[in-house]
C-alpha atoms as a PDB file:
ATOM      1  CA  MET A   1     -58.033-178.871-155.867  1.00  0.00           C
ATOM      2  CA  PHE A   2     -56.829-175.740-157.639  1.00  0.00           C
ATOM      3  CA  ARG A   3     -53.406-174.340-158.339  1.00  0.00           C
ATOM      4  CA  ILE A   4     -52.802-170.844-157.033  1.00  0.00           C
ATOM      5  CA  GLY A   5     -53.644-169.119-160.326  1.00  0.00           C
ATOM      6  CA  GLU A   6     -56.967-170.902-160.633  1.00  0.00           C
ATOM      7  CA  PHE A   7     -57.834-170.303-156.988  1.00  0.00           C
ATOM      8  CA  SER A   8     -57.027-166.602-157.272  1.00  0.00           C
ATOM      9  CA  LYS A   9     -59.629-166.341-160.036  1.00  0.00           C
ATOM     10  CA  ILE A  10     -62.224-168.196-157.986  1.00  0.00           C
ATOM     11  CA  ALA A  11     -61.547-166.125-154.860  1.00  0.00           C
ATOM     12  CA  GLN A  12     -61.038-162.873-156.803  1.00  0.00           C
ATOM     13  CA  VAL A  13     -57.811-162.042-154.970  1.00  0.00           C
ATOM     14  CA  SER A  14     -54.316-161.740-156.346  1.00  0.00           C
ATOM     15  CA  GLY A  15     -51.890-164.630-156.345  1.00  0.00           C
ATOM     16  CA  ARG A  16     -49.358-162.269-154.760  1.00  0.00           C
ATOM     17  CA  LEU A  17     -51.683-161.789-151.759  1.00  0.00           C
ATOM     18  CA  LEU A  18     -52.218-165.544-151.404  1.00  0.00           C
ATOM     19  CA  ARG A  19     -48.451-166.108-151.393  1.00  0.00           C
ATOM     20  CA  TYR A  20     -47.986-163.403-148.762  1.00  0.00           C
ATOM     21  CA  TYR A  21     -50.709-164.821-146.503  1.00  0.00           C
ATOM     22  CA  ASP A  22     -49.069-168.226-146.797  1.00  0.00           C
ATOM     23  CA  GLN A  23     -45.666-166.726-146.004  1.00  0.00           C
ATOM     24  CA  ILE A  24     -46.890-165.158-142.732  1.00  0.00           C
ATOM     25  CA  GLY A  25     -48.933-168.224-141.791  1.00  0.00           C
ATOM     26  CA  LEU A  26     -52.323-166.517-142.008  1.00  0.00           C
ATOM     27  CA  PHE A  27     -53.819-168.548-144.849  1.00  0.00           C
ATOM     28  CA  SER A  28     -52.011-171.579-146.169  1.00  0.00           C
ATOM     29  CA  PRO A  29     -52.813-173.832-149.126  1.00  0.00           C
ATOM     30  CA  ALA A  30     -54.620-177.060-148.470  1.00  0.00           C
ATOM     31  CA  ARG A  31     -51.655-178.980-149.886  1.00  0.00           C
ATOM     32  CA  VAL A  32     -48.185-178.248-151.185  1.00  0.00           C
ATOM     33  CA  ASP A  33     -46.646-180.719-153.665  1.00  0.00           C
ATOM     34  CA  PRO A  34     -43.357-181.835-152.001  1.00  0.00           C
ATOM     35  CA  GLU A  35     -41.606-182.335-155.322  1.00  0.00           C
ATOM     36  CA  SER A  36     -42.769-179.346-157.393  1.00  0.00           C
ATOM     37  CA  GLY A  37     -43.584-176.955-154.537  1.00  0.00           C
ATOM     38  CA  TYR A  38     -46.888-176.081-156.210  1.00  0.00           C
ATOM     39  CA  ARG A  39     -49.562-174.737-153.904  1.00  0.00           C
ATOM     40  CA  TYR A  40     -53.001-176.312-154.132  1.00  0.00           C
ATOM     41  CA  TYR A  41     -56.150-174.775-152.665  1.00  0.00           C
ATOM     42  CA  SER A  42     -59.646-176.135-152.103  1.00  0.00           C
ATOM     43  CA  ALA A  43     -62.971-174.388-152.627  1.00  0.00           C
ATOM     44  CA  GLN A  44     -63.697-175.437-149.033  1.00  0.00           C
ATOM     45  CA  GLN A  45     -61.158-172.783-147.958  1.00  0.00           C
ATOM     46  CA  LEU A  46     -63.167-169.893-149.395  1.00  0.00           C
ATOM     47  CA  PRO A  47     -65.145-169.201-146.175  1.00  0.00           C
ATOM     48  CA  GLN A  48     -61.904-168.885-144.204  1.00  0.00           C
ATOM     49  CA  LEU A  49     -60.397-166.537-146.808  1.00  0.00           C
ATOM     50  CA  ASN A  50     -63.587-164.468-146.853  1.00  0.00           C
ATOM     51  CA  ARG A  51     -63.369-164.120-143.061  1.00  0.00           C
ATOM     52  CA  ILE A  52     -59.853-162.748-143.410  1.00  0.00           C
ATOM     53  CA  LEU A  53     -60.813-160.324-146.170  1.00  0.00           C
ATOM     54  CA  ALA A  54     -63.899-159.136-144.293  1.00  0.00           C
ATOM     55  CA  LEU A  55     -61.904-158.461-141.129  1.00  0.00           C
ATOM     56  CA  LYS A  56     -59.262-156.668-143.193  1.00  0.00           C
ATOM     57  CA  ASP A  57     -61.977-154.441-144.683  1.00  0.00           C
ATOM     58  CA  LEU A  58     -62.994-153.575-141.137  1.00  0.00           C
ATOM     59  CA  GLY A  59     -59.560-152.017-140.690  1.00  0.00           C
ATOM     60  CA  LEU A  60     -58.017-154.719-138.497  1.00  0.00           C
ATOM     61  CA  SER A  61     -54.326-155.510-138.721  1.00  0.00           C
ATOM     62  CA  LEU A  62     -53.193-158.925-139.905  1.00  0.00           C
ATOM     63  CA  ASP A  63     -51.956-159.731-136.381  1.00  0.00           C
ATOM     64  CA  GLN A  64     -55.389-158.882-134.973  1.00  0.00           C
ATOM     65  CA  ILE A  65     -57.043-161.021-137.639  1.00  0.00           C
ATOM     66  CA  ALA A  66     -54.793-163.965-136.774  1.00  0.00           C
ATOM     67  CA  HIS A  67     -55.734-163.713-133.083  1.00  0.00           C
ATOM     68  CA  LEU A  68     -59.446-163.518-133.895  1.00  0.00           C
ATOM     69  CA  LEU A  69     -59.236-166.555-136.135  1.00  0.00           C
ATOM     70  CA  ASP A  70     -57.341-168.457-133.433  1.00  0.00           C
ATOM     71  CA  ASP A  71     -60.115-167.550-130.980  1.00  0.00           C
ATOM     72  CA  GLY A  72     -62.684-168.988-133.380  1.00  0.00           C
ATOM     73  CA  ILE A  73     -64.677-165.872-134.269  1.00  0.00           C
ATOM     74  CA  SER A  74     -68.071-166.904-135.641  1.00  0.00           C
ATOM     75  CA  PRO A  75     -69.664-165.815-138.933  1.00  0.00           C
ATOM     76  CA  GLY A  76     -72.426-164.130-136.906  1.00  0.00           C
ATOM     77  CA  GLU A  77     -69.916-162.001-135.034  1.00  0.00           C
ATOM     78  CA  ILE A  78     -68.201-160.985-138.269  1.00  0.00           C
ATOM     79  CA  ARG A  79     -71.576-160.169-139.803  1.00  0.00           C
ATOM     80  CA  GLY A  80     -72.395-157.888-136.873  1.00  0.00           C
ATOM     81  CA  MET A  81     -69.053-156.113-137.226  1.00  0.00           C
ATOM     82  CA  LEU A  82     -69.580-155.710-140.963  1.00  0.00           C
ATOM     83  CA  LEU A  83     -73.073-154.275-140.498  1.00  0.00           C
ATOM     84  CA  MET A  84     -71.682-151.724-138.071  1.00  0.00           C
ATOM     85  CA  LYS A  85     -68.920-150.814-140.524  1.00  0.00           C
ATOM     86  CA  LYS A  86     -71.487-150.574-143.317  1.00  0.00           C
ATOM     87  CA  ALA A  87     -73.519-148.085-141.288  1.00  0.00           C
ATOM     88  CA  GLN A  88     -70.397-146.019-140.598  1.00  0.00           C
ATOM     89  CA  ILE A  89     -69.469-145.973-144.298  1.00  0.00           C
ATOM     90  CA  ALA A  90     -73.033-145.029-145.273  1.00  0.00           C
ATOM     91  CA  GLN A  91     -72.965-142.124-142.797  1.00  0.00           C
ATOM     92  CA  THR A  92     -69.579-140.959-144.109  1.00  0.00           C
ATOM     93  CA  LEU A  93     -70.815-141.243-147.684  1.00  0.00           C
ATOM     94  CA  GLN A  94     -73.909-139.177-146.868  1.00  0.00           C
ATOM     95  CA  GLU A  95     -71.756-136.511-145.229  1.00  0.00           C
ATOM     96  CA  GLU A  96     -69.446-136.405-148.265  1.00  0.00           C
ATOM     97  CA  ILE A  97     -72.442-136.102-150.613  1.00  0.00           C
ATOM     98  CA  GLN A  98     -73.663-133.150-148.552  1.00  0.00           C
ATOM     99  CA  ARG A  99     -70.189-131.586-148.703  1.00  0.00           C
ATOM    100  CA  LEU A 100     -70.171-132.038-152.482  1.00  0.00           C
ATOM    101  CA  ARG A 101     -73.549-130.316-152.793  1.00  0.00           C
ATOM    102  CA  VAL A 102     -72.305-127.400-150.712  1.00  0.00           C
ATOM    103  CA  ILE A 103     -69.201-127.102-152.893  1.00  0.00           C
ATOM    104  CA  GLU A 104     -71.328-127.152-156.042  1.00  0.00           C
ATOM    105  CA  SER A 105     -73.628-124.453-154.691  1.00  0.00           C
ATOM    106  CA  ARG A 106     -70.660-122.298-153.622  1.00  0.00           C
ATOM    107  CA  LEU A 107     -69.223-122.647-157.122  1.00  0.00           C
ATOM    108  CA  GLN A 108     -72.576-121.610-158.554  1.00  0.00           C
ATOM    109  CA  GLN A 109     -72.564-118.524-156.342  1.00  0.00           C
ATOM    110  CA  ILE A 110     -69.042-117.653-157.516  1.00  0.00           C
ATOM    111  CA  GLU A 111     -70.005-118.129-161.160  1.00  0.00           C
ATOM    112  CA  ASP A 112     -73.021-115.865-160.654  1.00  0.00           C
ATOM    113  CA  GLU A 113     -70.597-113.250-159.256  1.00  0.00           C
ATOM    114  CA  GLY A 114     -72.826-112.656-156.252  1.00  0.00           C
ATOM    115  CA  THR A 115     -75.769-111.412-158.302  1.00  0.00           C
ATOM    116  CA  LEU A 116     -78.207-113.884-156.635  1.00  0.00           C
ATOM    117  CA  THR A 117     -80.716-113.150-159.397  1.00  0.00           C
ATOM    118  CA  ASP A 118     -82.356-116.574-159.163  1.00  0.00           C
ATOM    119  CA  TYR A 119     -83.992-115.692-155.836  1.00  0.00           C
ATOM    120  CA  ASP A 120     -86.928-113.319-155.517  1.00  0.00           C
ATOM    121  CA  VAL A 121     -86.903-111.649-152.117  1.00  0.00           C
ATOM    122  CA  VAL A 122     -90.410-110.691-151.015  1.00  0.00           C
ATOM    123  CA  MET A 123     -91.527-108.785-147.918  1.00  0.00           C
ATOM    124  CA  LYS A 124     -94.672-110.096-146.233  1.00  0.00           C
ATOM    125  CA  GLN A 125     -96.816-109.629-143.172  1.00  0.00           C
ATOM    126  CA  ILE A 126     -97.114-112.852-141.186  1.00  0.00           C
ATOM    127  CA  ALA A 127    -100.050-113.343-138.821  1.00  0.00           C
ATOM    128  CA  ALA A 128     -99.762-114.943-135.390  1.00  0.00           C
ATOM    129  CA  ARG A 129    -100.481-118.675-135.547  1.00  0.00           C
ATOM    130  CA  PRO A 130    -100.649-121.619-133.125  1.00  0.00           C
ATOM    131  CA  PHE A 131     -97.700-123.975-133.451  1.00  0.00           C
ATOM    132  CA  LEU A 132     -97.294-127.570-132.238  1.00  0.00           C
ATOM    133  CA  GLY A 133     -93.703-128.625-131.804  1.00  0.00           C
ATOM    134  CA  ILE A 134     -90.610-129.137-129.718  1.00  0.00           C
ATOM    135  CA  ARG A 135     -87.547-127.022-129.015  1.00  0.00           C
ATOM    136  CA  LYS A 136     -84.268-128.876-128.970  1.00  0.00           C
ATOM    137  CA  HIS A 137     -80.520-128.279-129.030  1.00  0.00           C
ATOM    138  CA  CYS A 138     -79.142-130.441-131.844  1.00  0.00           C
ATOM    139  CA  ASP A 139     -75.498-131.322-132.425  1.00  0.00           C
ATOM    140  CA  ASP A 140     -76.046-133.558-135.448  1.00  0.00           C
ATOM    141  CA  LEU A 141     -77.995-132.555-138.547  1.00  0.00           C
ATOM    142  CA  ALA A 142     -78.763-136.183-139.409  1.00  0.00           C
ATOM    143  CA  VAL A 143     -80.424-136.690-136.004  1.00  0.00           C
ATOM    144  CA  THR A 144     -82.448-133.532-136.583  1.00  0.00           C
ATOM    145  CA  VAL A 145     -83.666-134.834-139.944  1.00  0.00           C
ATOM    146  CA  ARG A 146     -84.657-138.192-138.429  1.00  0.00           C
ATOM    147  CA  LEU A 147     -86.608-136.389-135.712  1.00  0.00           C
ATOM    148  CA  ALA A 148     -88.412-134.252-138.305  1.00  0.00           C
ATOM    149  CA  ASN A 149     -89.257-137.372-140.320  1.00  0.00           C
ATOM    150  CA  GLU A 150     -90.673-139.028-137.192  1.00  0.00           C
ATOM    151  CA  MET A 151     -92.899-136.011-136.583  1.00  0.00           C
ATOM    152  CA  HIS A 152     -94.158-136.238-140.174  1.00  0.00           C
ATOM    153  CA  ARG A 153     -94.906-139.925-139.692  1.00  0.00           C
ATOM    154  CA  LEU A 154     -96.617-139.794-136.303  1.00  0.00           C
ATOM    155  CA  LEU A 155     -98.297-136.439-135.784  1.00  0.00           C
ATOM    156  CA  PRO A 156    -100.804-136.486-138.667  1.00  0.00           C
ATOM    157  CA  GLU A 157    -102.322-139.669-137.175  1.00  0.00           C
ATOM    158  CA  ARG A 158    -102.163-138.352-133.621  1.00  0.00           C
ATOM    159  CA  VAL A 159    -103.393-134.779-134.153  1.00  0.00           C
ATOM    160  CA  GLY A 160    -105.104-134.497-137.529  1.00  0.00           C
ATOM    161  CA  ALA A 161    -105.586-130.847-138.515  1.00  0.00           C
ATOM    162  CA  LEU A 162    -102.008-129.889-139.250  1.00  0.00           C
ATOM    163  CA  GLY A 163    -100.699-127.083-141.420  1.00  0.00           C
ATOM    164  CA  ARG A 164     -97.232-126.741-142.862  1.00  0.00           C
ATOM    165  CA  PHE A 165     -94.116-128.022-141.156  1.00  0.00           C
ATOM    166  CA  ALA A 166     -91.695-125.328-140.016  1.00  0.00           C
ATOM    167  CA  VAL A 167     -88.362-124.925-138.271  1.00  0.00           C
ATOM    168  CA  ILE A 168     -87.621-121.847-136.167  1.00  0.00           C
ATOM    169  CA  ILE A 169     -83.890-121.164-135.805  1.00  0.00           C
ATOM    170  CA  HIS A 170     -83.134-119.666-132.400  1.00  0.00           C
ATOM    171  CA  SER A 171     -79.340-119.973-132.697  1.00  0.00           C
ATOM    172  CA  ASP A 172     -77.449-116.685-132.633  1.00  0.00           C
ATOM    173  CA  VAL A 173     -74.677-118.165-134.798  1.00  0.00           C
ATOM    174  CA  PHE A 174     -74.862-120.795-137.542  1.00  0.00           C
ATOM    175  CA  ASP A 175     -73.177-123.955-136.285  1.00  0.00           C
ATOM    176  CA  LEU A 176     -74.342-127.400-137.437  1.00  0.00           C
ATOM    177  CA  ALA A 177     -72.813-128.902-134.292  1.00  0.00           C
ATOM    178  CA  ASP A 178     -74.827-126.599-132.009  1.00  0.00           C
ATOM    179  CA  LEU A 179     -78.275-125.773-133.348  1.00  0.00           C
ATOM    180  CA  ASP A 180     -81.054-124.356-131.184  1.00  0.00           C
ATOM    181  CA  LEU A 181     -84.147-125.362-133.140  1.00  0.00           C
ATOM    182  CA  GLU A 182     -87.886-125.388-132.681  1.00  0.00           C
ATOM    183  CA  MET A 183     -89.655-127.656-135.131  1.00  0.00           C
ATOM    184  CA  GLY A 184     -93.212-128.727-135.692  1.00  0.00           C
ATOM    185  CA  PHE A 185     -96.475-127.952-137.450  1.00  0.00           C
ATOM    186  CA  PHE A 186     -98.733-124.940-137.672  1.00  0.00           C
ATOM    187  CA  LEU A 187    -102.198-125.857-136.402  1.00  0.00           C
ATOM    188  CA  GLU A 188    -105.251-125.309-138.566  1.00  0.00           C
ATOM    189  CA  ASP A 189    -107.670-126.021-135.695  1.00  0.00           C
ATOM    190  CA  PRO A 190    -107.314-126.262-131.906  1.00  0.00           C
ATOM    191  CA  ILE A 191    -106.404-129.702-130.585  1.00  0.00           C
ATOM    192  CA  GLY A 192    -108.310-131.202-127.690  1.00  0.00           C
ATOM    193  CA  ALA A 193    -105.943-133.843-126.318  1.00  0.00           C
ATOM    194  CA  GLU A 194    -102.408-133.522-125.026  1.00  0.00           C
ATOM    195  CA  PRO A 195     -99.988-133.956-127.948  1.00  0.00           C
ATOM    196  CA  GLY A 196     -97.749-136.282-125.916  1.00  0.00           C
ATOM    197  CA  THR A 197     -94.092-137.115-126.541  1.00  0.00           C
ATOM    198  CA  LEU A 198     -91.901-138.513-129.294  1.00  0.00           C
ATOM    199  CA  SER A 199     -89.837-141.706-129.148  1.00  0.00           C
ATOM    200  CA  THR A 200     -86.817-139.570-128.211  1.00  0.00           C
ATOM    201  CA  GLY A 201     -88.620-138.406-125.076  1.00  0.00           C
ATOM    202  CA  ASP A 202     -89.081-134.871-126.421  1.00  0.00           C
ATOM    203  CA  VAL A 203     -92.328-133.356-125.136  1.00  0.00           C
ATOM    204  CA  LEU A 204     -94.627-131.708-127.670  1.00  0.00           C
ATOM    205  CA  SER A 205     -96.276-128.439-126.731  1.00  0.00           C
ATOM    206  CA  VAL A 206     -98.464-125.786-128.315  1.00  0.00           C
ATOM    207  CA  ARG A 207     -97.645-122.103-128.379  1.00  0.00           C
ATOM    208  CA  THR A 208     -98.538-119.123-130.548  1.00  0.00           C
ATOM    209  CA  LEU A 209     -95.841-117.862-132.878  1.00  0.00           C
ATOM    210  CA  PRO A 210     -96.026-114.077-132.846  1.00  0.00           C
ATOM    211  CA  ALA A 211     -97.087-111.992-135.829  1.00  0.00           C
ATOM    212  CA  VAL A 212     -94.326-110.361-137.872  1.00  0.00           C
ATOM    213  CA  SER A 213     -95.122-107.156-139.725  1.00  0.00           C
ATOM    214  CA  THR A 214     -92.019-107.157-141.938  1.00  0.00           C
ATOM    215  CA  MET A 215     -90.841-110.652-142.872  1.00  0.00           C
ATOM    216  CA  LEU A 216     -88.378-111.053-145.726  1.00  0.00           C
ATOM    217  CA  THR A 217     -88.844-114.308-147.619  1.00  0.00           C
ATOM    218  CA  ALA A 218     -87.112-116.304-150.333  1.00  0.00           C
ATOM    219  CA  VAL A 219     -87.956-119.795-151.570  1.00  0.00           C
ATOM    220  CA  ARG A 220     -85.341-122.517-151.937  1.00  0.00           C
ATOM    221  CA  VAL A 221     -85.892-125.725-153.876  1.00  0.00           C
ATOM    222  CA  GLY A 222     -83.809-128.786-153.111  1.00  0.00           C
ATOM    223  CA  ASN A 223     -81.574-129.878-150.277  1.00  0.00           C
ATOM    224  CA  ALA A 224     -80.648-127.769-147.280  1.00  0.00           C
ATOM    225  CA  GLU A 225     -77.107-127.516-148.651  1.00  0.00           C
ATOM    226  CA  MET A 226     -78.453-125.033-151.212  1.00  0.00           C
ATOM    227  CA  GLY A 227     -79.965-122.828-148.508  1.00  0.00           C
ATOM    228  CA  HIS A 228     -77.052-120.420-148.297  1.00  0.00           C
ATOM    229  CA  LEU A 229     -77.931-119.045-151.745  1.00  0.00           C
ATOM    230  CA  ALA A 230     -81.391-117.961-150.599  1.00  0.00           C
ATOM    231  CA  TYR A 231     -80.020-116.648-147.309  1.00  0.00           C
ATOM    232  CA  GLY A 232     -77.388-114.738-149.265  1.00  0.00           C
ATOM    233  CA  ALA A 233     -80.082-113.138-151.405  1.00  0.00           C
ATOM    234  CA  ILE A 234     -81.959-112.032-148.278  1.00  0.00           C
ATOM    235  CA  GLY A 235     -78.745-110.665-146.789  1.00  0.00           C
ATOM    236  CA  ALA A 236     -77.986-108.683-149.947  1.00  0.00           C
ATOM    237  CA  TRP A 237     -81.509-107.187-149.896  1.00  0.00           C
ATOM    238  CA  VAL A 238     -81.199-106.207-146.211  1.00  0.00           C
ATOM    239  CA  GLU A 239     -77.879-104.490-146.783  1.00  0.00           C
ATOM    240  CA  ALA A 240     -79.005-102.702-149.938  1.00  0.00           C
ATOM    241  CA  ASN A 241     -82.273-101.392-148.479  1.00  0.00           C
ATOM    242  CA  GLY A 242     -81.230-100.257-145.024  1.00  0.00           C
ATOM    243  CA  TYR A 243     -82.737-102.956-142.836  1.00  0.00           C
ATOM    244  CA  ARG A 244     -81.481-105.250-140.094  1.00  0.00           C
ATOM    245  CA  PHE A 245     -82.538-108.656-138.807  1.00  0.00           C
ATOM    246  CA  ALA A 246     -84.978-108.604-135.907  1.00  0.00           C
ATOM    247  CA  GLY A 247     -85.528-112.054-134.428  1.00  0.00           C
ATOM    248  CA  PRO A 248     -85.357-115.795-135.106  1.00  0.00           C
ATOM    249  CA  GLY A 249     -85.649-116.900-138.710  1.00  0.00           C
ATOM    250  CA  ARG A 250     -87.969-119.610-139.932  1.00  0.00           C
ATOM    251  CA  GLU A 251     -87.998-122.212-142.663  1.00  0.00           C
ATOM    252  CA  VAL A 252     -91.566-123.106-143.654  1.00  0.00           C
ATOM    253  CA  PHE A 253     -91.815-126.180-145.852  1.00  0.00           C
ATOM    254  CA  LEU A 254     -94.174-125.750-148.766  1.00  0.00           C
ATOM    255  CA  GLN A 255     -93.305-129.310-149.813  1.00  0.00           C
ATOM    256  CA  TRP A 256     -91.676-131.986-147.655  1.00  0.00           C
ATOM    257  CA  PRO A 257     -89.254-134.308-149.502  1.00  0.00           C
ATOM    258  CA  ASP A 258     -90.169-137.968-149.772  1.00  0.00           C
ATOM    259  CA  PRO A 259     -87.705-140.586-148.430  1.00  0.00           C
ATOM    260  CA  GLN A 260     -87.116-142.009-151.937  1.00  0.00           C
ATOM    261  CA  GLY A 261     -85.916-138.631-153.218  1.00  0.00           C
ATOM    262  CA  GLU A 262     -88.576-138.438-155.919  1.00  0.00           C
ATOM    263  CA  ARG A 263     -90.006-135.180-154.510  1.00  0.00           C
ATOM    264  CA  GLU A 264     -87.691-132.300-153.662  1.00  0.00           C
ATOM    265  CA  ALA A 265     -87.995-130.110-150.609  1.00  0.00           C
ATOM    266  CA  VAL A 266     -89.460-126.664-151.182  1.00  0.00           C
ATOM    267  CA  ALA A 267     -89.008-124.279-148.264  1.00  0.00           C
ATOM    268  CA  GLU A 268     -89.749-120.616-147.760  1.00  0.00           C
ATOM    269  CA  ILE A 269     -86.977-119.004-145.745  1.00  0.00           C
ATOM    270  CA  GLN A 270     -88.401-116.253-143.547  1.00  0.00           C
ATOM    271  CA  MET A 271     -86.315-113.616-141.770  1.00  0.00           C
ATOM    272  CA  PRO A 272     -87.966-110.899-139.629  1.00  0.00           C
ATOM    273  CA  VAL A 273     -86.430-107.475-140.305  1.00  0.00           C
ATOM    274  CA  GLU A 274     -86.838-103.866-139.276  1.00  0.00           C
ATOM    275  CA  PRO A 275     -85.567-100.612-140.795  1.00  0.00           C
ATOM    276  CA  LEU A 276     -82.378 -99.142-139.423  1.00  0.00           C
ATOM    277  CA  SER A 277     -83.294 -96.393-136.961  1.00  0.00           C
ATOM    278  CA  ALA A 278     -82.458 -92.802-137.817  1.00  0.00           C
ATOM    279  CA  GLU A 279     -79.478 -92.647-135.476  1.00  0.00           C
ATOM    280  CA  HIS A 280     -77.888 -95.687-137.124  1.00  0.00           C
ATOM    281  CA  THR A 281     -76.460 -94.680-140.461  1.00  0.00           C
ATOM    282  CA  SER A 282     -74.073 -97.554-141.057  1.00  0.00           C
ATOM    283  CA  ILE A 283     -73.679-101.209-140.185  1.00  0.00           C
ATOM    284  CA  GLU A 284     -70.457-100.406-138.320  1.00  0.00           C
ATOM    285  CA  GLU A 285     -72.439 -98.235-135.879  1.00  0.00           C
ATOM    286  CA  LEU A 286     -74.696-101.188-135.073  1.00  0.00           C
ATOM    287  CA  ILE A 287     -71.831-103.439-134.005  1.00  0.00           C
END
């Protein structure tokens, strides 16, 4: 048996918390000395205390925890609840990491005073090419990434002669909660069999992406959160040279990132443009 100070060290909780749990009848010592009033705890009580602490970490109130313990909640049930909470925390953490990257890239853009000199904007002619993919409205970027990863995992085995992976952005307005995307692979050779469906039920199809005579391009390296810098460079070029956007943009991946993060994404952002017509002399006249 251990006095409260010793047990607090073993359990890695404060003596103050143990006294409070005893006071409200949630977790009592194994024995209280009737003469001295000293509390004594047993190592056999650790599983019960760990149940309480785990449920507390799940965000439950102490009253809720007491009811669950009275109902005899099993370790398996607590484990399931903890795994669900772990997944929620991991998702929140990933979202916060993405937010941090965006903040860092915005700060970089401010420090560069909008010069955008790190991005070379190049105009190209793009030929028409067959494209195997799906078109989907996405309201969650993480789901979109998982779908793209599934296509990378399955399609090379199913189809074979694949070119680069690309995403065509059909959305009129940028909104991560409402993206109209077409994603898939350029085809190097015709495919004989039907491409089939993905595990999500999305049906793959083949179409020809049209040629673009004036495509502005800029290459980004790293996560998608850094993309606004390359897009900003393209926007600055368009404004400075008297052009306007003329159709859905594309992101063509020159290098797909590996799941372990050892290889960064490299993507060429492509935006079709056309010169402002003679009767349009200012952006205001186009709106």
